[in-house]
């Protein structure tokens, strides 16, 4: 999708409905997204000192 945006040719990229579609600036693999979400969830669920 990012490549299609750089070329200003969205016909060659999957576009999803919604106002935020214009905010997409990079492509990420599903695996990378899940890893990042998992790391965030683990950090948030860790016991907090104090």
Protein backbone atom coordinates (compact mmCIF):
# COMPACT_ATOMS: atom_id res chain seq x y z
CA UNK A 1 0.00 0.00 0.00
CA UNK A 2 2.82 2.42 0.81
CA UNK A 3 4.37 1.80 -2.61
CA UNK A 4 1.04 2.49 -4.33
CA UNK A 5 0.68 5.71 -2.33
CA UNK A 6 4.18 6.87 -3.33
CA UNK A 7 3.23 6.23 -6.94
CA UNK A 8 -0.14 7.87 -6.34
CA UNK A 9 -1.84 4.81 -7.75
CA UNK A 10 -4.22 3.29 -5.20
CA UNK A 11 -5.62 0.93 -7.84
CA UNK A 12 -2.73 -1.43 -7.06
CA UNK A 13 -3.16 -1.46 -3.30
CA UNK A 14 -5.82 -2.76 -0.96
CA UNK A 15 -7.74 0.17 0.47
CA UNK A 16 -9.95 -0.11 3.49
CA UNK A 17 -12.97 2.03 4.19
CA UNK A 18 -12.67 4.68 6.83
CA UNK A 19 -11.30 8.12 7.45
CA UNK A 20 -7.96 6.82 8.75
CA UNK A 21 -6.92 5.19 5.47
CA UNK A 22 -5.03 8.34 4.51
CA UNK A 23 -2.86 8.00 7.60
CA UNK A 24 -1.22 4.77 6.43
CA UNK A 25 2.44 5.54 5.80
CA UNK A 26 4.08 2.11 5.92
CA UNK A 27 3.46 -1.53 5.24
CA UNK A 28 3.81 -3.98 8.12
CA UNK A 29 3.61 -7.72 8.07
CA UNK A 30 0.82 -9.30 10.10
CA UNK A 31 3.48 -11.13 12.14
CA UNK A 32 5.18 -7.85 13.01
CA UNK A 33 1.89 -6.29 14.06
CA UNK A 34 1.05 -9.25 16.31
CA UNK A 35 4.54 -9.19 17.87
CA UNK A 36 4.23 -5.49 18.63
CA UNK A 37 0.75 -5.90 20.12
CA UNK A 38 1.94 -8.85 22.20
CA UNK A 39 4.93 -6.91 23.55
CA UNK A 40 2.66 -3.98 24.41
CA UNK A 41 0.16 -6.25 26.18
CA UNK A 42 2.90 -7.99 28.16
CA UNK A 43 4.34 -4.66 29.25
CA UNK A 44 0.93 -3.35 30.28
CA UNK A 45 0.01 -6.50 32.21
CA UNK A 46 3.31 -6.74 34.11
CA UNK A 47 3.11 -5.95 37.83
CA UNK A 48 3.75 -2.29 38.52
CA UNK A 49 6.20 -1.35 41.28
CA UNK A 50 4.75 0.43 44.25
